[in-house]
């Protein structure tokens, strides 16, 4: 059934004569297909089956970012009911591939950092949801609800409620910095280098359909505390300083505290998501990254602002439990 709908969309888009190949899948239900004509022209179809997926947020954020001059895939055709988009093909030059090929890490990260510094000063669309307490608590809850249960270390209802209370006390610290459009998956898999474009436009942006309005520390932290790869601490320090130079209005200590809370929040979420991807969705490929994310979470908890998270983890998730792999 899905194949029939996909073929019909491809034909309506005027690309019925193109060869279609699977470009990528991700941690969601979405798939991406590349269309290639005999003359070499290409486009991409986002295949986002409803009701699990909704293409409308992607379209809204893409149009907003494009209007601001950032490089995103131009949306050429939309089928909201069936969950298909025809998108500009920005190529295969993801940061992940370029880094694997030995491209200069510092220049790539500098460009990505500059994009965030500029984006953080731009207006946000009125129809983008806020990164509110409920959304953030739902995400931090993934650690006890999925990781701990999957390693045989489920906590009591009282301890689970205390976990939420801990975070409710910390979230105001995260919001000590200005709000901005937060793309939420800003890391090397979703960034591309576009050599034919100048300035900030040389950085292509992907996978932003879950964007929210929240603390401007989040995306830079996501970029520099990557769940999938180790990053030189010197590079992290340099890019953080670079961002603060571009935003002299920010107070460094307030920024650092917000970063720590958002880092702890994201890493707790990601540990839970990786466990869920294995347990619920049968995707074990993310399990090898969990030890790295635990190290990042433990590092974030060294900041004084995160002392309550540190205390909860020490009480309920001893080191031996953190080292277990979901079963």
Protein backbone atom coordinates (compact mmCIF):
# COMPACT_ATOMS: atom_id res chain seq x y z
CA UNK A 1 0.00 0.00 0.00
CA UNK A 2 2.76 2.46 0.95
CA UNK A 3 4.67 1.61 -2.21
CA UNK A 4 1.61 2.40 -4.33
CA UNK A 5 1.17 5.77 -2.62
CA UNK A 6 4.86 6.54 -3.04
CA UNK A 7 4.81 5.72 -6.74
CA UNK A 8 1.72 7.85 -7.22
CA UNK A 9 3.34 10.83 -5.50
CA UNK A 10 6.48 10.45 -7.59
CA UNK A 11 4.39 10.51 -10.76
CA UNK A 12 2.32 13.52 -9.65
CA UNK A 13 5.54 15.34 -8.89
CA UNK A 14 6.60 14.94 -12.51
CA UNK A 15 9.41 12.56 -11.67
CA UNK A 16 7.78 9.33 -12.78
CA UNK A 17 10.65 8.61 -15.19
CA UNK A 18 13.30 8.89 -12.45
CA UNK A 19 15.11 6.01 -10.80
CA UNK A 20 14.28 5.83 -7.09
CA UNK A 21 16.73 4.56 -4.47
CA UNK A 22 16.63 4.54 -0.69
CA UNK A 23 18.76 7.42 0.54
CA UNK A 24 18.41 7.03 4.31
CA UNK A 25 16.22 6.07 7.19
CA UNK A 26 16.53 7.39 10.72
CA UNK A 27 15.42 6.72 14.27
CA UNK A 28 11.83 7.63 13.38
CA UNK A 29 9.38 6.12 10.91
CA UNK A 30 10.62 8.45 8.16
CA UNK A 31 12.51 7.31 5.08
CA UNK A 32 14.20 9.35 2.37
CA UNK A 33 14.33 8.38 -1.30
CA UNK A 34 16.56 9.93 -3.96
CA UNK A 35 15.11 10.40 -7.44
CA UNK A 36 17.61 10.50 -10.30
CA UNK A 37 16.80 11.23 -13.92
CA UNK A 38 18.85 10.07 -16.85
CA UNK A 39 20.31 13.58 -17.22
CA UNK A 40 21.64 13.42 -13.64
CA UNK A 41 19.05 15.73 -12.08
CA UNK A 42 18.01 14.67 -8.59
CA UNK A 43 15.37 15.36 -5.96
CA UNK A 44 14.50 13.75 -2.65
CA UNK A 45 11.20 12.37 -1.37
CA UNK A 46 10.55 12.43 2.35
CA UNK A 47 8.35 9.44 3.15
CA UNK A 48 6.74 10.19 6.54
CA UNK A 49 3.77 7.85 7.05
CA UNK A 50 0.88 9.19 9.10
CA UNK A 51 -0.32 8.95 11.81
CA UNK A 52 3.14 8.31 13.27
CA UNK A 53 4.60 11.24 11.31
CA UNK A 54 3.35 14.66 10.23
CA UNK A 55 5.06 16.59 7.43
CA UNK A 56 3.50 19.96 8.30
CA UNK A 57 6.03 20.98 11.00
CA UNK A 58 8.90 20.30 8.60
CA UNK A 59 7.30 22.48 5.94
CA UNK A 60 6.66 25.34 8.38
CA UNK A 61 10.19 25.37 9.76
CA UNK A 62 11.80 24.87 6.32
CA UNK A 63 9.93 27.84 4.89
CA UNK A 64 10.89 29.97 7.91
CA UNK A 65 14.59 29.08 7.72
CA UNK A 66 14.70 29.53 3.97
CA UNK A 67 13.15 32.97 4.28
CA UNK A 68 15.90 33.91 6.75
CA UNK A 69 18.57 32.87 4.23
CA UNK A 70 19.63 29.56 5.76
CA UNK A 71 20.22 26.55 3.52
CA UNK A 72 17.49 23.96 3.90
CA UNK A 73 15.97 21.64 1.31
CA UNK A 74 13.47 23.69 -0.66
CA UNK A 75 10.01 22.14 -0.41
CA UNK A 76 8.76 21.69 -3.99
CA UNK A 77 5.58 19.64 -3.43
CA UNK A 78 3.55 18.63 -0.37
CA UNK A 79 1.12 15.75 0.19
CA UNK A 80 0.01 16.25 3.79
CA UNK A 81 -2.64 13.52 3.79
CA UNK A 82 -0.29 10.73 2.73
CA UNK A 83 2.89 12.10 4.29
CA UNK A 84 5.12 12.86 1.32
CA UNK A 85 7.35 15.83 0.48
CA UNK A 86 9.34 16.50 -2.68
CA UNK A 87 12.55 18.21 -1.56
CA UNK A 88 15.60 19.81 -3.07
CA UNK A 89 18.55 17.42 -2.96
CA UNK A 90 21.39 19.04 -1.02
CA UNK A 91 23.77 16.19 -1.80
CA UNK A 92 25.78 13.72 0.23
CA UNK A 93 28.30 16.03 1.89
CA UNK A 94 27.19 15.50 5.45
CA UNK A 95 29.57 16.49 8.20
CA UNK A 96 29.67 12.84 9.22
CA UNK A 97 30.99 11.76 5.82
CA UNK A 98 33.38 14.69 5.54
CA UNK A 99 34.88 14.03 8.96
CA UNK A 100 35.32 10.36 8.09
CA UNK A 101 37.16 11.48 4.95
CA UNK A 102 39.56 13.64 6.95
CA UNK A 103 38.12 17.10 6.27
CA UNK A 104 39.10 19.86 8.67
CA UNK A 105 37.04 19.39 11.83
CA UNK A 106 37.60 22.87 13.24
CA UNK A 107 36.42 24.72 10.13
CA UNK A 108 33.29 22.57 9.87
CA UNK A 109 32.38 23.14 13.50
CA UNK A 110 33.16 26.85 13.23
CA UNK A 111 30.67 27.20 10.37
CA UNK A 112 28.01 25.26 12.28
CA UNK A 113 28.62 27.39 15.38
CA UNK A 114 28.31 30.61 13.39
CA UNK A 115 24.99 29.43 11.97
CA UNK A 116 23.65 28.93 15.49
CA UNK A 117 24.93 32.30 16.66
CA UNK A 118 23.05 33.96 13.81
CA UNK A 119 19.93 31.83 14.18
CA UNK A 120 19.76 32.60 17.90
CA UNK A 121 19.28 36.28 17.06
CA UNK A 122 16.47 35.76 14.55
CA UNK A 123 12.72 35.90 15.23
CA UNK A 124 10.90 32.63 15.77
CA UNK A 125 7.68 31.58 14.01
CA UNK A 126 4.53 32.00 16.05
CA UNK A 127 3.36 28.45 15.34
CA UNK A 128 6.43 26.63 16.72
CA UNK A 129 5.69 25.03 20.11
CA UNK A 130 7.51 26.01 23.28
CA UNK A 131 9.99 23.69 24.93
CA UNK A 132 7.76 23.73 27.99
CA UNK A 133 8.03 21.82 31.26
CA UNK A 134 5.77 18.98 30.17
CA UNK A 135 7.73 18.35 26.99
CA UNK A 136 11.03 18.41 28.84
CA UNK A 137 9.78 16.14 31.64
CA UNK A 138 8.42 13.65 29.13
CA UNK A 139 11.91 13.47 27.63
CA UNK A 140 13.85 13.13 30.88
CA UNK A 141 11.36 10.44 31.91
CA UNK A 142 12.71 8.23 29.14
CA UNK A 143 15.73 7.35 31.25
CA UNK A 144 13.82 5.72 34.14
CA UNK A 145 10.93 4.53 31.99
CA UNK A 146 12.98 2.86 29.25
CA UNK A 147 16.64 2.50 30.18
CA UNK A 148 16.22 1.49 33.81
CA UNK A 149 13.37 -0.91 33.10
CA UNK A 150 15.33 -2.46 30.22
CA UNK A 151 18.33 -3.20 32.46
CA UNK A 152 16.25 -4.61 35.30
CA UNK A 153 16.60 -1.61 37.61
CA UNK A 154 13.14 -0.06 37.66
CA UNK A 155 12.68 2.53 40.42
CA UNK A 156 9.77 2.94 42.81
CA UNK A 157 6.88 5.26 42.06
CA UNK A 158 8.15 7.59 44.78
CA UNK A 159 11.63 7.76 43.26
CA UNK A 160 10.15 8.27 39.80
CA UNK A 161 8.09 11.21 41.07
CA UNK A 162 11.18 12.66 42.74
CA UNK A 163 12.98 12.52 39.36
CA UNK A 164 10.34 14.82 37.91
CA UNK A 165 10.52 17.16 40.90
CA UNK A 166 14.29 17.41 40.50
CA UNK A 167 13.89 18.56 36.92
CA UNK A 168 11.11 21.02 37.68
CA UNK A 169 13.53 22.72 40.04
CA UNK A 170 16.29 22.88 37.43
CA UNK A 171 14.45 24.02 34.32
CA UNK A 172 14.37 27.71 35.36
CA UNK A 173 18.18 27.59 35.37
CA UNK A 174 18.13 26.36 31.78
CA UNK A 175 15.88 29.26 30.88
CA UNK A 176 18.26 31.83 32.31
CA UNK A 177 19.42 32.52 28.74
CA UNK A 178 17.27 33.98 25.94
CA UNK A 179 15.01 31.72 23.93
CA UNK A 180 15.58 30.93 20.27
CA UNK A 181 14.45 28.51 17.61
CA UNK A 182 15.86 25.17 18.77
CA UNK A 183 16.23 22.64 15.93
CA UNK A 184 16.81 19.84 18.51
CA UNK A 185 18.83 17.44 16.34
CA UNK A 186 21.69 19.74 15.47
CA UNK A 187 24.65 17.38 15.01
CA UNK A 188 26.99 16.11 12.31
CA UNK A 189 24.52 13.66 10.77
CA UNK A 190 22.14 16.52 9.98
CA UNK A 191 24.61 19.13 8.71
CA UNK A 192 26.05 19.35 5.21
CA UNK A 193 28.78 21.39 3.58
CA UNK A 194 27.55 23.05 0.38
CA UNK A 195 30.69 24.21 -1.46
CA UNK A 196 28.74 26.17 -4.06
CA UNK A 197 27.28 28.53 -1.46
CA UNK A 198 28.95 31.36 0.42
CA UNK A 199 28.99 32.34 4.07
CA UNK A 200 26.49 30.76 6.43
CA UNK A 201 24.58 29.38 3.44
CA UNK A 202 27.42 26.90 2.97
CA UNK A 203 26.00 24.94 5.90
CA UNK A 204 23.00 22.82 4.92
CA UNK A 205 20.44 21.97 7.61
CA UNK A 206 18.41 18.76 7.83
CA UNK A 207 15.98 17.11 10.26
CA UNK A 208 14.45 20.10 11.99
CA UNK A 209 10.77 19.10 12.00
CA UNK A 210 10.79 18.77 15.80
CA UNK A 211 11.90 22.38 16.31
CA UNK A 212 10.74 24.21 19.41
CA UNK A 213 11.31 27.56 21.08
CA UNK A 214 13.67 27.10 24.01
CA UNK A 215 17.04 27.97 25.58
CA UNK A 216 19.60 28.99 22.98
CA UNK A 217 22.20 26.77 24.65
CA UNK A 218 20.51 23.58 23.51
CA UNK A 219 21.59 23.24 19.88
CA UNK A 220 25.20 24.27 20.47
CA UNK A 221 25.39 21.76 23.31
CA UNK A 222 23.84 19.11 21.04
CA UNK A 223 26.48 19.84 18.41
CA UNK A 224 29.46 19.76 20.78
CA UNK A 225 28.34 16.97 23.14
CA UNK A 226 27.50 14.50 20.42
CA UNK A 227 25.99 11.16 21.40
CA UNK A 228 27.60 9.45 18.40
CA UNK A 229 31.20 10.71 18.37
CA UNK A 230 33.90 11.91 20.72
CA UNK A 231 34.96 15.53 20.30
CA UNK A 232 38.24 17.13 21.42
CA UNK A 233 37.56 19.20 24.59
CA UNK A 234 39.74 21.94 23.13
CA UNK A 235 37.40 22.19 20.14
CA UNK A 236 34.37 22.30 22.45
CA UNK A 237 35.93 25.14 24.44
CA UNK A 238 36.92 27.05 21.32
CA UNK A 239 33.49 26.82 19.70
CA UNK A 240 31.73 27.78 22.91
CA UNK A 241 33.98 30.83 23.17
CA UNK A 242 33.33 31.61 19.50
CA UNK A 243 29.56 31.58 20.11
CA UNK A 244 29.90 33.87 23.14
CA UNK A 245 32.01 36.32 21.14
CA UNK A 246 29.18 36.49 18.60
CA UNK A 247 26.69 36.99 21.46
CA UNK A 248 28.39 39.50 23.81
CA UNK A 249 25.02 40.17 25.45
CA UNK A 250 25.14 36.78 27.18
CA UNK A 251 26.46 36.30 30.70
CA UNK A 252 29.06 33.53 30.59
CA UNK A 253 28.22 31.91 33.95
CA UNK A 254 24.48 31.95 33.25
CA UNK A 255 25.19 30.45 29.83
CA UNK A 256 27.35 27.73 31.40
CA UNK A 257 24.66 26.81 33.94
CA UNK A 258 21.97 26.67 31.27
CA UNK A 259 24.25 24.52 29.12
CA UNK A 260 24.85 22.06 31.97
CA UNK A 261 21.15 21.61 32.70
CA UNK A 262 20.25 21.24 29.03
CA UNK A 263 23.14 18.80 28.56
CA UNK A 264 21.97 16.67 31.48
CA UNK A 265 18.42 16.82 30.16
CA UNK A 266 19.37 15.80 26.62
CA UNK A 267 21.72 13.04 27.65
CA UNK A 268 19.14 11.53 30.00
CA UNK A 269 16.64 11.64 27.15
CA UNK A 270 19.02 10.10 24.63
CA UNK A 271 19.95 7.22 26.93
CA UNK A 272 16.25 6.44 27.21
CA UNK A 273 15.65 6.85 23.48
CA UNK A 274 18.48 4.50 22.55
CA UNK A 275 17.09 1.89 24.95
CA UNK A 276 13.60 2.36 23.50
CA UNK A 277 14.86 2.05 19.93
CA UNK A 278 16.22 -1.36 20.85
CA UNK A 279 13.39 -2.63 23.04
CA UNK A 280 10.39 -1.28 21.15
CA UNK A 281 11.64 -0.82 17.60
CA UNK A 282 14.22 -3.59 17.26
CA UNK A 283 17.06 -1.18 16.40
CA UNK A 284 20.20 -2.29 18.29
CA UNK A 285 22.56 -0.03 16.35
CA UNK A 286 22.32 2.74 18.92
CA UNK A 287 23.30 0.59 21.93
CA UNK A 288 27.09 1.04 21.51
CA UNK A 289 26.65 4.79 22.02
CA UNK A 290 24.99 4.53 25.44
CA UNK A 291 28.28 4.38 27.43
CA UNK A 292 29.43 7.60 25.76
CA UNK A 293 26.15 9.32 26.61
CA UNK A 294 26.45 8.19 30.23
CA UNK A 295 29.91 9.81 30.33
CA UNK A 296 28.46 13.02 28.96
CA UNK A 297 25.62 12.94 31.49
CA UNK A 298 28.06 12.38 34.34
CA UNK A 299 30.19 15.28 33.10
CA UNK A 300 27.16 17.59 33.00
CA UNK A 301 26.26 16.57 36.53
CA UNK A 302 29.60 17.89 37.77
CA UNK A 303 28.26 21.43 37.37
CA UNK A 304 26.84 22.72 40.68
CA UNK A 305 23.51 23.52 39.04
CA UNK A 306 23.01 19.81 38.35
CA UNK A 307 23.76 18.62 41.89
CA UNK A 308 20.14 17.41 42.41
CA UNK A 309 20.38 15.20 39.30
CA UNK A 310 23.73 13.89 40.49
CA UNK A 311 22.25 13.03 43.88
CA UNK A 312 19.26 11.20 42.37
CA UNK A 313 21.47 9.17 40.06
CA UNK A 314 23.85 8.26 42.89
CA UNK A 315 20.90 7.06 44.96
CA UNK A 316 19.06 5.11 42.27
CA UNK A 317 21.46 4.32 39.40
CA UNK A 318 24.80 3.10 40.74
CA UNK A 319 27.72 2.80 38.30
CA UNK A 320 27.17 -0.93 37.82
CA UNK A 321 23.63 -0.28 36.57
CA UNK A 322 24.82 2.43 34.18
CA UNK A 323 27.16 -0.08 32.59
CA UNK A 324 24.42 -2.58 31.81
CA UNK A 325 23.14 -2.94 28.25
CA UNK A 326 19.38 -3.03 27.62
CA UNK A 327 18.00 -6.53 27.27
